[in-house]
Amino acid sequence: MILGKRETQVLAAVIETYVETALPVASQTLAAGLGLSPASLRATMAALTEKGLLQQPHTSAGRVPTVRGFRYYLDQVFRLAPLSRREQSRLHEHILPGEGELPQVLRRAARALSSLTRQVCVVMAPRQDLARWRQIDFVLLRPGMILAVLVMQGGLVSNRMIQMDESLNADDLIRYGNYLNSLFEGRTTTEVRGEIERQLQSARKTLDAYRRAWELAAQALAEEEPPEVFVGGASHLADQPEFTELETIQELLRLIEERSRLLELLDKTTAGASVSVNLAEDMPGIAGCSLVASPYSAFSSAHGTLAVLGPVRMNYARIVPMVDFAAQILSQCLKSRS
């Protein structure tokens, strides 16, 4: 469906006014700004209502956009504008001061973006399975108890406790770590798991001198760890008139608390390579919500996700470029740690 010029103009005006006021938009409100008579506006708004792009909550009320109307606006009318230098500076200052470990940076990004957008911000750390191996170290804590510290490109760190026989000493662990690093640096965790499985089968048959190195590596990568998720600004949900009903806000809070559902949602909404806007129709079970999401990554194969969750009546002109730029900051941060 493609709208005519006047219908597109009126739909955009209704949406942009509704975003600002959260109130039904009457024809008299738009008449002066569009240079159209109230009668012409009413006729155009009625046509947009028949097409399912607007709706009238009450007979005597103005019109409000439907989810379908927002989708048309985002697909056909909205254009991503660059973020102002002032907003760029604010995001840089809030996300990167002092940097620190990657979780600290991601936590700051969630807080900063939620503060600037007045919405909920969710940041998912990059998934470990596609991250590239940088270095593994084995630390002997006590006889039979070893800490495996796997550092991946981009600053991801995985710590795992391993139990082995008590004959291993610190020198053995250094030798095994150096051996594994010489083989696997730059390879993804998924590739390494496959190689470990093949080498273990061979080592068991031949009593390979590095059999224990493979066994240590197998335990260090025994289970894929779900990526960490950082949430900022959950309290902003209560500021939105759309979320005043207790049942609605409880459902959203449950989504935020149930990290497995949140991870599933983020995975579904960031299949592309750039910022995307996912409305309620794209996210079953989350009525009245919108998710502006963008992947970030130092590499093409492994990425995390940065997203802003709020009502469908969201200020996309401000929030979309903000999410896009914040994702660029995080990508640069990962590249600097590679």
C-alpha atoms as a PDB file:
ATOM      1  CA  MET A   1       0.000   0.000   0.000  1.00  0.00           C
ATOM      2  CA  ILE A   2       1.365   3.375  -1.065  1.00  0.00           C
ATOM      3  CA  LEU A   3      -0.337   6.559   0.105  1.00  0.00           C
ATOM      4  CA  GLY A   4      -0.801   9.731  -1.862  1.00  0.00           C
ATOM      5  CA  LYS A   5       1.134  12.890  -1.018  1.00  0.00           C
ATOM      6  CA  ARG A   6      -1.621  14.452   1.117  1.00  0.00           C
ATOM      7  CA  GLU A   7      -2.356  11.232   3.005  1.00  0.00           C
ATOM      8  CA  THR A   8       1.353  10.769   3.726  1.00  0.00           C
ATOM      9  CA  GLN A   9       1.630  14.370   4.904  1.00  0.00           C
ATOM     10  CA  VAL A  10      -1.367  14.061   7.216  1.00  0.00           C
ATOM     11  CA  LEU A  11      -0.294  10.675   8.605  1.00  0.00           C
ATOM     12  CA  ALA A  12       3.174  12.035   9.412  1.00  0.00           C
ATOM     13  CA  ALA A  13       1.666  15.120  11.082  1.00  0.00           C
ATOM     14  CA  VAL A  14      -0.700  13.000  13.210  1.00  0.00           C
ATOM     15  CA  ILE A  15       2.102  10.669  14.299  1.00  0.00           C
ATOM     16  CA  GLU A  16       4.571  13.434  15.127  1.00  0.00           C
ATOM     17  CA  THR A  17       1.929  15.367  17.104  1.00  0.00           C
ATOM     18  CA  TYR A  18       0.806  12.222  18.926  1.00  0.00           C
ATOM     19  CA  VAL A  19       4.403  11.377  19.859  1.00  0.00           C
ATOM     20  CA  GLU A  20       4.700  14.801  21.508  1.00  0.00           C
ATOM     21  CA  THR A  21       1.337  14.901  23.311  1.00  0.00           C
ATOM     22  CA  ALA A  22       0.209  11.274  23.800  1.00  0.00           C
ATOM     23  CA  LEU A  23      -3.309  12.620  23.086  1.00  0.00           C
ATOM     24  CA  PRO A  24      -5.716  12.033  20.181  1.00  0.00           C
ATOM     25  CA  VAL A  25      -5.036  14.525  17.388  1.00  0.00           C
ATOM     26  CA  ALA A  26      -7.932  16.662  16.129  1.00  0.00           C
ATOM     27  CA  SER A  27      -8.119  18.135  12.624  1.00  0.00           C
ATOM     28  CA  GLN A  28      -8.172  21.690  14.020  1.00  0.00           C
ATOM     29  CA  THR A  29      -4.780  21.045  15.648  1.00  0.00           C
ATOM     30  CA  LEU A  30      -3.140  20.336  12.278  1.00  0.00           C
ATOM     31  CA  ALA A  31      -5.012  22.734  10.000  1.00  0.00           C
ATOM     32  CA  ALA A  32      -2.734  25.762  10.347  1.00  0.00           C
ATOM     33  CA  GLY A  33       0.533  23.843  10.128  1.00  0.00           C
ATOM     34  CA  LEU A  34      -0.463  21.892   6.997  1.00  0.00           C
ATOM     35  CA  GLY A  35      -2.302  24.712   5.225  1.00  0.00           C
ATOM     36  CA  LEU A  36      -5.414  22.554   4.801  1.00  0.00           C
ATOM     37  CA  SER A  37      -8.970  23.251   5.868  1.00  0.00           C
ATOM     38  CA  PRO A  38     -10.404  21.256   8.802  1.00  0.00           C
ATOM     39  CA  ALA A  39     -12.898  19.699   6.381  1.00  0.00           C
ATOM     40  CA  SER A  40     -10.134  18.476   4.047  1.00  0.00           C
ATOM     41  CA  LEU A  41      -8.181  17.162   7.039  1.00  0.00           C
ATOM     42  CA  ARG A  42     -11.193  15.321   8.421  1.00  0.00           C
ATOM     43  CA  ALA A  43     -11.775  13.652   5.046  1.00  0.00           C
ATOM     44  CA  THR A  44      -8.134  12.611   4.755  1.00  0.00           C
ATOM     45  CA  MET A  45      -8.046  11.360   8.344  1.00  0.00           C
ATOM     46  CA  ALA A  46     -11.220   9.364   7.711  1.00  0.00           C
ATOM     47  CA  ALA A  47      -9.594   7.756   4.648  1.00  0.00           C
ATOM     48  CA  LEU A  48      -6.497   6.869   6.707  1.00  0.00           C
ATOM     49  CA  THR A  49      -8.783   5.359   9.350  1.00  0.00           C
ATOM     50  CA  GLU A  50     -10.500   3.194   6.731  1.00  0.00           C
ATOM     51  CA  LYS A  51      -7.064   1.963   5.649  1.00  0.00           C
ATOM     52  CA  GLY A  52      -6.227   0.957   9.229  1.00  0.00           C
ATOM     53  CA  LEU A  53      -3.485   3.543   9.724  1.00  0.00           C
ATOM     54  CA  LEU A  54      -5.413   5.720  12.197  1.00  0.00           C
ATOM     55  CA  GLN A  55      -8.119   4.986  14.720  1.00  0.00           C
ATOM     56  CA  GLN A  56     -10.645   7.061  16.648  1.00  0.00           C
ATOM     57  CA  PRO A  57     -10.819   6.079  20.334  1.00  0.00           C
ATOM     58  CA  HIS A  58     -14.187   7.837  20.798  1.00  0.00           C
ATOM     59  CA  THR A  59     -16.730   9.272  18.393  1.00  0.00           C
ATOM     60  CA  SER A  60     -16.031  12.859  19.370  1.00  0.00           C
ATOM     61  CA  ALA A  61     -12.260  12.410  19.852  1.00  0.00           C
ATOM     62  CA  GLY A  62      -9.403  13.011  17.456  1.00  0.00           C
ATOM     63  CA  ARG A  63      -7.363  10.261  15.809  1.00  0.00           C
ATOM     64  CA  VAL A  64      -4.391   8.260  17.011  1.00  0.00           C
ATOM     65  CA  PRO A  65      -2.002   6.193  14.887  1.00  0.00           C
ATOM     66  CA  THR A  66      -2.314   2.416  14.836  1.00  0.00           C
ATOM     67  CA  VAL A  67       0.691   0.111  14.944  1.00  0.00           C
ATOM     68  CA  ARG A  68       0.154  -0.331  11.215  1.00  0.00           C
ATOM     69  CA  GLY A  69       0.270   3.457  10.820  1.00  0.00           C
ATOM     70  CA  PHE A  70       3.541   3.660  12.718  1.00  0.00           C
ATOM     71  CA  ARG A  71       4.965   0.866  10.575  1.00  0.00           C
ATOM     72  CA  TYR A  72       4.057   2.689   7.365  1.00  0.00           C
ATOM     73  CA  TYR A  73       5.556   5.906   8.710  1.00  0.00           C
ATOM     74  CA  LEU A  74       8.806   4.168   9.672  1.00  0.00           C
ATOM     75  CA  ASP A  75       9.108   2.280   6.385  1.00  0.00           C
ATOM     76  CA  GLN A  76       8.013   4.984   3.938  1.00  0.00           C
ATOM     77  CA  VAL A  77       8.407   8.395   5.582  1.00  0.00           C
ATOM     78  CA  PHE A  78      10.987   8.296   8.356  1.00  0.00           C
ATOM     79  CA  ARG A  79      14.599   9.024   7.438  1.00  0.00           C
ATOM     80  CA  LEU A  80      17.502   8.453   9.813  1.00  0.00           C
ATOM     81  CA  ALA A  81      19.201  11.782  10.532  1.00  0.00           C
ATOM     82  CA  PRO A  82      22.683  12.032  12.036  1.00  0.00           C
ATOM     83  CA  LEU A  83      22.905  12.674  15.742  1.00  0.00           C
ATOM     84  CA  SER A  84      23.870  16.186  16.748  1.00  0.00           C
ATOM     85  CA  ARG A  85      27.451  16.781  17.879  1.00  0.00           C
ATOM     86  CA  ARG A  86      26.149  17.670  21.332  1.00  0.00           C
ATOM     87  CA  GLU A  87      24.341  14.331  21.702  1.00  0.00           C
ATOM     88  CA  GLN A  88      27.354  12.470  20.293  1.00  0.00           C
ATOM     89  CA  SER A  89      29.589  14.098  22.897  1.00  0.00           C
ATOM     90  CA  ARG A  90      27.153  13.251  25.688  1.00  0.00           C
ATOM     91  CA  LEU A  91      27.100   9.581  24.725  1.00  0.00           C
ATOM     92  CA  HIS A  92      30.903   9.425  24.460  1.00  0.00           C
ATOM     93  CA  GLU A  93      31.298  11.102  27.857  1.00  0.00           C
ATOM     94  CA  HIS A  94      28.783   8.798  29.564  1.00  0.00           C
ATOM     95  CA  ILE A  95      29.884   5.480  28.024  1.00  0.00           C
ATOM     96  CA  LEU A  96      33.676   5.668  27.761  1.00  0.00           C
ATOM     97  CA  PRO A  97      35.107   7.609  30.736  1.00  0.00           C
ATOM     98  CA  GLY A  98      37.962   5.530  32.119  1.00  0.00           C
ATOM     99  CA  GLU A  99      36.650   2.538  30.102  1.00  0.00           C
ATOM    100  CA  GLY A 100      37.427  -0.373  32.478  1.00  0.00           C
ATOM    101  CA  GLU A 101      36.410  -3.984  31.913  1.00  0.00           C
ATOM    102  CA  LEU A 102      33.892  -4.713  29.153  1.00  0.00           C
ATOM    103  CA  PRO A 103      30.969  -5.389  31.563  1.00  0.00           C
ATOM    104  CA  GLN A 104      31.544  -1.957  33.119  1.00  0.00           C
ATOM    105  CA  VAL A 105      31.398  -0.304  29.700  1.00  0.00           C
ATOM    106  CA  LEU A 106      28.190  -2.154  28.764  1.00  0.00           C
ATOM    107  CA  ARG A 107      26.590  -1.308  32.106  1.00  0.00           C
ATOM    108  CA  ARG A 108      27.451   2.364  31.611  1.00  0.00           C
ATOM    109  CA  ALA A 109      26.009   2.263  28.090  1.00  0.00           C
ATOM    110  CA  ALA A 110      22.693   0.908  29.425  1.00  0.00           C
ATOM    111  CA  ARG A 111      22.521   3.611  32.089  1.00  0.00           C
ATOM    112  CA  ALA A 112      23.556   6.424  29.733  1.00  0.00           C
ATOM    113  CA  LEU A 113      21.118   5.552  26.961  1.00  0.00           C
ATOM    114  CA  SER A 114      18.211   5.036  29.354  1.00  0.00           C
ATOM    115  CA  SER A 115      18.944   8.408  30.952  1.00  0.00           C
ATOM    116  CA  LEU A 116      19.109  10.255  27.629  1.00  0.00           C
ATOM    117  CA  THR A 117      16.054   8.578  26.058  1.00  0.00           C
ATOM    118  CA  ARG A 118      13.938   8.255  29.233  1.00  0.00           C
ATOM    119  CA  GLN A 119      13.197   4.677  28.169  1.00  0.00           C
ATOM    120  CA  VAL A 120      14.427   1.229  29.169  1.00  0.00           C
ATOM    121  CA  CYS A 121      17.790   0.317  27.655  1.00  0.00           C
ATOM    122  CA  VAL A 122      19.027  -3.264  27.264  1.00  0.00           C
ATOM    123  CA  VAL A 123      22.585  -4.201  26.301  1.00  0.00           C
ATOM    124  CA  MET A 124      23.471  -7.817  25.495  1.00  0.00           C
ATOM    125  CA  ALA A 125      27.155  -8.708  25.578  1.00  0.00           C
ATOM    126  CA  PRO A 126      28.559 -10.456  22.470  1.00  0.00           C
ATOM    127  CA  ARG A 127      27.914 -14.186  22.328  1.00  0.00           C
ATOM    128  CA  GLN A 128      30.919 -16.291  23.220  1.00  0.00           C
ATOM    129  CA  ASP A 129      30.424 -19.003  20.601  1.00  0.00           C
ATOM    130  CA  LEU A 130      31.373 -16.742  17.687  1.00  0.00           C
ATOM    131  CA  ALA A 131      33.979 -14.685  19.553  1.00  0.00           C
ATOM    132  CA  ARG A 132      37.604 -15.309  18.609  1.00  0.00           C
ATOM    133  CA  TRP A 133      40.102 -16.907  20.960  1.00  0.00           C
ATOM    134  CA  ARG A 134      42.837 -14.591  22.187  1.00  0.00           C
ATOM    135  CA  GLN A 135      44.453 -16.340  25.158  1.00  0.00           C
ATOM    136  CA  ILE A 136      43.784 -18.963  27.805  1.00  0.00           C
ATOM    137  CA  ASP A 137      45.556 -19.175  31.154  1.00  0.00           C
ATOM    138  CA  PHE A 138      45.292 -21.909  33.759  1.00  0.00           C
ATOM    139  CA  VAL A 139      45.817 -20.925  37.396  1.00  0.00           C
ATOM    140  CA  LEU A 140      46.508 -23.573  40.035  1.00  0.00           C
ATOM    141  CA  LEU A 141      44.399 -22.644  43.054  1.00  0.00           C
ATOM    142  CA  ARG A 142      45.192 -25.754  45.038  1.00  0.00           C
ATOM    143  CA  PRO A 143      46.089 -29.343  44.141  1.00  0.00           C
ATOM    144  CA  GLY A 144      43.347 -30.651  41.870  1.00  0.00           C
ATOM    145  CA  MET A 145      41.543 -27.288  41.535  1.00  0.00           C
ATOM    146  CA  ILE A 146      42.312 -25.040  38.512  1.00  0.00           C
ATOM    147  CA  LEU A 147      40.894 -21.734  37.311  1.00  0.00           C
ATOM    148  CA  ALA A 148      40.678 -21.415  33.508  1.00  0.00           C
ATOM    149  CA  VAL A 149      40.624 -17.808  32.276  1.00  0.00           C
ATOM    150  CA  LEU A 150      39.731 -17.518  28.598  1.00  0.00           C
ATOM    151  CA  VAL A 151      40.136 -14.060  27.054  1.00  0.00           C
ATOM    152  CA  MET A 152      38.536 -13.469  23.655  1.00  0.00           C
ATOM    153  CA  GLN A 153      38.973 -10.673  21.167  1.00  0.00           C
ATOM    154  CA  GLY A 154      36.882  -7.673  22.057  1.00  0.00           C
ATOM    155  CA  GLY A 155      37.493  -8.032  25.788  1.00  0.00           C
ATOM    156  CA  LEU A 156      35.152 -10.951  26.557  1.00  0.00           C
ATOM    157  CA  VAL A 157      36.382 -13.011  29.502  1.00  0.00           C
ATOM    158  CA  SER A 158      35.175 -16.425  30.638  1.00  0.00           C
ATOM    159  CA  ASN A 159      36.229 -17.903  33.987  1.00  0.00           C
ATOM    160  CA  ARG A 160      35.676 -21.580  34.709  1.00  0.00           C
ATOM    161  CA  MET A 161      36.610 -23.790  37.669  1.00  0.00           C
ATOM    162  CA  ILE A 162      38.128 -27.132  36.635  1.00  0.00           C
ATOM    163  CA  GLN A 163      38.874 -30.228  38.674  1.00  0.00           C
ATOM    164  CA  MET A 164      41.799 -32.380  37.519  1.00  0.00           C
ATOM    165  CA  ASP A 165      44.103 -34.904  39.128  1.00  0.00           C
ATOM    166  CA  GLU A 166      46.489 -33.500  41.729  1.00  0.00           C
ATOM    167  CA  SER A 167      49.676 -34.318  39.808  1.00  0.00           C
ATOM    168  CA  LEU A 168      49.457 -31.205  37.611  1.00  0.00           C
ATOM    169  CA  ASN A 169      51.707 -28.347  38.700  1.00  0.00           C
ATOM    170  CA  ALA A 170      51.953 -24.661  37.736  1.00  0.00           C
ATOM    171  CA  ASP A 171      54.639 -25.297  35.118  1.00  0.00           C
ATOM    172  CA  ASP A 172      52.466 -27.925  33.415  1.00  0.00           C
ATOM    173  CA  LEU A 173      49.584 -25.449  33.258  1.00  0.00           C
ATOM    174  CA  ILE A 174      51.738 -22.733  31.705  1.00  0.00           C
ATOM    175  CA  ARG A 175      53.002 -25.186  29.094  1.00  0.00           C
ATOM    176  CA  TYR A 176      49.495 -26.386  28.258  1.00  0.00           C
ATOM    177  CA  GLY A 177      48.183 -22.825  28.014  1.00  0.00           C
ATOM    178  CA  ASN A 178      50.973 -21.804  25.646  1.00  0.00           C
ATOM    179  CA  TYR A 179      50.348 -24.874  23.516  1.00  0.00           C
ATOM    180  CA  LEU A 180      46.608 -24.191  23.184  1.00  0.00           C
ATOM    181  CA  ASN A 181      47.170 -20.507  22.463  1.00  0.00           C
ATOM    182  CA  SER A 182      49.595 -21.336  19.655  1.00  0.00           C
ATOM    183  CA  LEU A 183      46.907 -23.467  18.026  1.00  0.00           C
ATOM    184  CA  PHE A 184      43.753 -21.468  18.592  1.00  0.00           C
ATOM    185  CA  GLU A 185      44.521 -17.757  18.599  1.00  0.00           C
ATOM    186  CA  GLY A 186      42.084 -16.032  16.247  1.00  0.00           C
ATOM    187  CA  ARG A 187      39.722 -19.007  15.908  1.00  0.00           C
ATOM    188  CA  THR A 188      36.112 -18.919  17.103  1.00  0.00           C
ATOM    189  CA  THR A 189      34.957 -20.786  20.180  1.00  0.00           C
ATOM    190  CA  THR A 190      32.736 -22.977  18.002  1.00  0.00           C
ATOM    191  CA  GLU A 191      35.701 -23.962  15.817  1.00  0.00           C
ATOM    192  CA  VAL A 192      37.822 -24.679  18.896  1.00  0.00           C
ATOM    193  CA  ARG A 193      35.167 -26.962  20.414  1.00  0.00           C
ATOM    194  CA  GLY A 194      35.088 -29.057  17.245  1.00  0.00           C
ATOM    195  CA  GLU A 195      38.879 -29.350  17.162  1.00  0.00           C
ATOM    196  CA  ILE A 196      39.052 -30.273  20.860  1.00  0.00           C
ATOM    197  CA  GLU A 197      36.571 -33.082  20.325  1.00  0.00           C
ATOM    198  CA  ARG A 198      38.590 -34.489  17.423  1.00  0.00           C
ATOM    199  CA  GLN A 199      41.907 -34.187  19.258  1.00  0.00           C
ATOM    200  CA  LEU A 200      40.567 -35.829  22.412  1.00  0.00           C
ATOM    201  CA  GLN A 201      39.450 -38.867  20.451  1.00  0.00           C
ATOM    202  CA  SER A 202      42.912 -39.127  18.892  1.00  0.00           C
ATOM    203  CA  ALA A 203      44.757 -38.447  22.150  1.00  0.00           C
ATOM    204  CA  ARG A 204      42.904 -41.180  24.010  1.00  0.00           C
ATOM    205  CA  LYS A 205      44.105 -43.698  21.442  1.00  0.00           C
ATOM    206  CA  THR A 206      47.715 -42.563  21.202  1.00  0.00           C
ATOM    207  CA  LEU A 207      48.340 -41.329  24.783  1.00  0.00           C
ATOM    208  CA  ASP A 208      49.379 -37.983  23.303  1.00  0.00           C
ATOM    209  CA  ALA A 209      51.701 -35.957  25.562  1.00  0.00           C
ATOM    210  CA  TYR A 210      49.217 -33.064  25.406  1.00  0.00           C
ATOM    211  CA  ARG A 211      46.156 -35.132  26.262  1.00  0.00           C
ATOM    212  CA  ARG A 212      45.731 -33.233  29.532  1.00  0.00           C
ATOM    213  CA  ALA A 213      45.875 -29.896  27.672  1.00  0.00           C
ATOM    214  CA  TRP A 214      42.967 -31.038  25.547  1.00  0.00           C
ATOM    215  CA  GLU A 215      41.092 -32.239  28.623  1.00  0.00           C
ATOM    216  CA  LEU A 216      41.631 -28.876  30.329  1.00  0.00           C
ATOM    217  CA  ALA A 217      40.423 -27.025  27.215  1.00  0.00           C
ATOM    218  CA  ALA A 218      37.380 -29.291  26.959  1.00  0.00           C
ATOM    219  CA  GLN A 219      36.339 -28.472  30.522  1.00  0.00           C
ATOM    220  CA  ALA A 220      37.015 -24.754  30.020  1.00  0.00           C
ATOM    221  CA  LEU A 221      34.591 -24.777  27.073  1.00  0.00           C
ATOM    222  CA  ALA A 222      32.256 -27.495  28.365  1.00  0.00           C
ATOM    223  CA  GLU A 223      29.106 -25.371  28.200  1.00  0.00           C
ATOM    224  CA  GLU A 224      28.279 -22.262  26.256  1.00  0.00           C
ATOM    225  CA  GLU A 225      27.628 -19.459  28.696  1.00  0.00           C
ATOM    226  CA  PRO A 226      24.645 -17.230  27.884  1.00  0.00           C
ATOM    227  CA  PRO A 227      25.726 -13.652  27.235  1.00  0.00           C
ATOM    228  CA  GLU A 228      25.381 -11.152  30.052  1.00  0.00           C
ATOM    229  CA  VAL A 229      22.496  -8.685  29.802  1.00  0.00           C
ATOM    230  CA  PHE A 230      22.578  -5.205  31.321  1.00  0.00           C
ATOM    231  CA  VAL A 231      19.361  -3.231  31.855  1.00  0.00           C
ATOM    232  CA  GLY A 232      19.069   0.444  32.617  1.00  0.00           C
ATOM    233  CA  GLY A 233      16.071   2.628  33.383  1.00  0.00           C
ATOM    234  CA  ALA A 234      13.322   0.075  34.134  1.00  0.00           C
ATOM    235  CA  SER A 235      11.701   2.750  36.318  1.00  0.00           C
ATOM    236  CA  HIS A 236      11.015   4.812  33.165  1.00  0.00           C
ATOM    237  CA  LEU A 237       8.211   2.388  32.268  1.00  0.00           C
ATOM    238  CA  ALA A 238       6.017   4.037  34.889  1.00  0.00           C
ATOM    239  CA  ASP A 239       6.502   7.439  33.175  1.00  0.00           C
ATOM    240  CA  GLN A 240       4.671   6.336  30.025  1.00  0.00           C
ATOM    241  CA  PRO A 241       0.885   6.850  29.871  1.00  0.00           C
ATOM    242  CA  GLU A 242       0.570   3.655  27.797  1.00  0.00           C
ATOM    243  CA  PHE A 243       1.876   1.583  30.717  1.00  0.00           C
ATOM    244  CA  THR A 244      -0.327   2.848  33.530  1.00  0.00           C
ATOM    245  CA  GLU A 245      -2.266  -0.424  33.783  1.00  0.00           C
ATOM    246  CA  LEU A 246      -0.736  -2.704  36.390  1.00  0.00           C
ATOM    247  CA  GLU A 247      -1.036  -5.833  34.228  1.00  0.00           C
ATOM    248  CA  THR A 248       0.856  -4.203  31.331  1.00  0.00           C
ATOM    249  CA  ILE A 249       3.760  -2.970  33.407  1.00  0.00           C
ATOM    250  CA  GLN A 250       3.989  -6.301  35.262  1.00  0.00           C
ATOM    251  CA  GLU A 251       4.312  -8.136  31.947  1.00  0.00           C
ATOM    252  CA  LEU A 252       7.120  -5.840  30.844  1.00  0.00           C
ATOM    253  CA  LEU A 253       8.935  -6.198  34.161  1.00  0.00           C
ATOM    254  CA  ARG A 254       8.651  -9.994  33.887  1.00  0.00           C
ATOM    255  CA  LEU A 255      10.194  -9.794  30.419  1.00  0.00           C
ATOM    256  CA  ILE A 256      13.112  -7.765  31.766  1.00  0.00           C
ATOM    257  CA  GLU A 257      13.642 -10.147  34.687  1.00  0.00           C
ATOM    258  CA  GLU A 258      13.410 -13.347  32.609  1.00  0.00           C
ATOM    259  CA  ARG A 259      16.713 -13.032  30.833  1.00  0.00           C
ATOM    260  CA  SER A 260      16.101 -16.056  28.587  1.00  0.00           C
ATOM    261  CA  ARG A 261      13.019 -14.370  27.078  1.00  0.00           C
ATOM    262  CA  LEU A 262      14.914 -11.120  26.726  1.00  0.00           C
ATOM    263  CA  LEU A 263      17.803 -12.867  24.950  1.00  0.00           C
ATOM    264  CA  GLU A 264      15.383 -14.616  22.610  1.00  0.00           C
ATOM    265  CA  LEU A 265      13.697 -11.312  21.785  1.00  0.00           C
ATOM    266  CA  LEU A 266      17.006  -9.543  21.129  1.00  0.00           C
ATOM    267  CA  ASP A 267      18.208 -12.384  18.907  1.00  0.00           C
ATOM    268  CA  LYS A 268      15.030 -12.185  16.804  1.00  0.00           C
ATOM    269  CA  THR A 269      15.162  -8.433  16.361  1.00  0.00           C
ATOM    270  CA  THR A 270      18.792  -7.973  15.312  1.00  0.00           C
ATOM    271  CA  ALA A 271      19.177 -10.265  12.341  1.00  0.00           C
ATOM    272  CA  GLY A 272      20.313  -7.363  10.156  1.00  0.00           C
ATOM    273  CA  ALA A 273      23.521  -5.377  10.215  1.00  0.00           C
ATOM    274  CA  SER A 274      22.057  -2.005  11.193  1.00  0.00           C
ATOM    275  CA  VAL A 275      19.567  -0.366  13.538  1.00  0.00           C
ATOM    276  CA  SER A 276      16.001  -1.713  13.308  1.00  0.00           C
ATOM    277  CA  VAL A 277      12.632  -0.769  14.754  1.00  0.00           C
ATOM    278  CA  ASN A 278      10.457  -3.664  15.894  1.00  0.00           C
ATOM    279  CA  LEU A 279       6.849  -2.887  16.784  1.00  0.00           C
ATOM    280  CA  ALA A 280       4.290  -4.873  18.768  1.00  0.00           C
ATOM    281  CA  GLU A 281       3.276  -6.832  15.658  1.00  0.00           C
ATOM    282  CA  ASP A 282       6.863  -8.108  15.396  1.00  0.00           C
ATOM    283  CA  MET A 283       6.996  -9.137  19.062  1.00  0.00           C
ATOM    284  CA  PRO A 284       4.055 -11.351  20.073  1.00  0.00           C
ATOM    285  CA  GLY A 285       3.134 -11.128  23.748  1.00  0.00           C
ATOM    286  CA  ILE A 286       4.433  -7.583  24.247  1.00  0.00           C
ATOM    287  CA  ALA A 287       1.431  -5.416  23.500  1.00  0.00           C
ATOM    288  CA  GLY A 288       1.926  -1.726  22.875  1.00  0.00           C
ATOM    289  CA  CYS A 289       5.743  -1.882  22.803  1.00  0.00           C
ATOM    290  CA  SER A 290       8.494  -0.983  20.410  1.00  0.00           C
ATOM    291  CA  LEU A 291      12.122  -2.071  20.403  1.00  0.00           C
ATOM    292  CA  VAL A 292      14.787  -0.002  18.664  1.00  0.00           C
ATOM    293  CA  ALA A 293      17.786  -2.323  18.382  1.00  0.00           C
ATOM    294  CA  SER A 294      21.216  -2.346  16.800  1.00  0.00           C
ATOM    295  CA  PRO A 295      24.021  -4.918  16.707  1.00  0.00           C
ATOM    296  CA  TYR A 296      27.528  -3.880  17.653  1.00  0.00           C
ATOM    297  CA  SER A 297      30.712  -5.796  16.982  1.00  0.00           C
ATOM    298  CA  ALA A 298      34.406  -5.681  16.324  1.00  0.00           C
ATOM    299  CA  PHE A 299      33.986  -8.576  13.886  1.00  0.00           C
ATOM    300  CA  SER A 300      31.398  -9.509  11.291  1.00  0.00           C
ATOM    301  CA  SER A 301      30.721 -12.913  12.851  1.00  0.00           C
ATOM    302  CA  ALA A 302      30.175 -12.078  16.526  1.00  0.00           C
ATOM    303  CA  HIS A 303      28.033  -9.302  17.870  1.00  0.00           C
ATOM    304  CA  GLY A 304      26.164  -8.036  20.875  1.00  0.00           C
ATOM    305  CA  THR A 305      22.947  -6.041  20.862  1.00  0.00           C
ATOM    306  CA  LEU A 306      22.010  -2.593  22.116  1.00  0.00           C
ATOM    307  CA  ALA A 307      18.290  -1.793  22.346  1.00  0.00           C
ATOM    308  CA  VAL A 308      15.791   0.721  23.701  1.00  0.00           C
ATOM    309  CA  LEU A 309      12.415  -0.648  24.814  1.00  0.00           C
ATOM    310  CA  GLY A 310       9.431   1.656  25.155  1.00  0.00           C
ATOM    311  CA  PRO A 311       5.928   2.402  23.900  1.00  0.00           C
ATOM    312  CA  VAL A 312       5.074   2.371  20.194  1.00  0.00           C
ATOM    313  CA  ARG A 313       4.611   6.131  20.644  1.00  0.00           C
ATOM    314  CA  MET A 314       8.339   6.682  20.794  1.00  0.00           C
ATOM    315  CA  ASN A 315      10.342   9.649  19.531  1.00  0.00           C
ATOM    316  CA  TYR A 316      12.061   7.690  16.765  1.00  0.00           C
ATOM    317  CA  ALA A 317      13.643  10.801  15.228  1.00  0.00           C
ATOM    318  CA  ARG A 318      15.733  11.157  18.387  1.00  0.00           C
ATOM    319  CA  ILE A 319      16.028   7.588  19.654  1.00  0.00           C
ATOM    320  CA  VAL A 320      16.937   5.730  16.435  1.00  0.00           C
ATOM    321  CA  PRO A 321      20.081   7.796  15.698  1.00  0.00           C
ATOM    322  CA  MET A 322      20.994   7.660  19.390  1.00  0.00           C
ATOM    323  CA  VAL A 323      20.875   3.841  19.423  1.00  0.00           C
ATOM    324  CA  ASP A 324      22.771   3.724  16.130  1.00  0.00           C
ATOM    325  CA  PHE A 325      25.561   5.987  17.420  1.00  0.00           C
ATOM    326  CA  ALA A 326      25.823   4.248  20.806  1.00  0.00           C
ATOM    327  CA  ALA A 327      26.266   0.935  18.954  1.00  0.00           C
ATOM    328  CA  GLN A 328      29.080   2.519  16.928  1.00  0.00           C
ATOM    329  CA  ILE A 329      30.784   3.570  20.182  1.00  0.00           C
ATOM    330  CA  LEU A 330      30.590   0.025  21.541  1.00  0.00           C
ATOM    331  CA  SER A 331      31.911  -1.413  18.266  1.00  0.00           C
ATOM    332  CA  GLN A 332      34.910   0.899  18.405  1.00  0.00           C
ATOM    333  CA  CYS A 333      35.430  -0.037  22.041  1.00  0.00           C
ATOM    334  CA  LEU A 334      35.555  -3.740  21.141  1.00  0.00           C
ATOM    335  CA  LYS A 335      37.957  -3.105  18.263  1.00  0.00           C
ATOM    336  CA  SER A 336      40.308  -1.248  20.570  1.00  0.00           C
ATOM    337  CA  ARG A 337      40.455  -4.338  22.802  1.00  0.00           C
ATOM    338  CA  SER A 338      41.157  -6.820  20.020  1.00  0.00           C
END
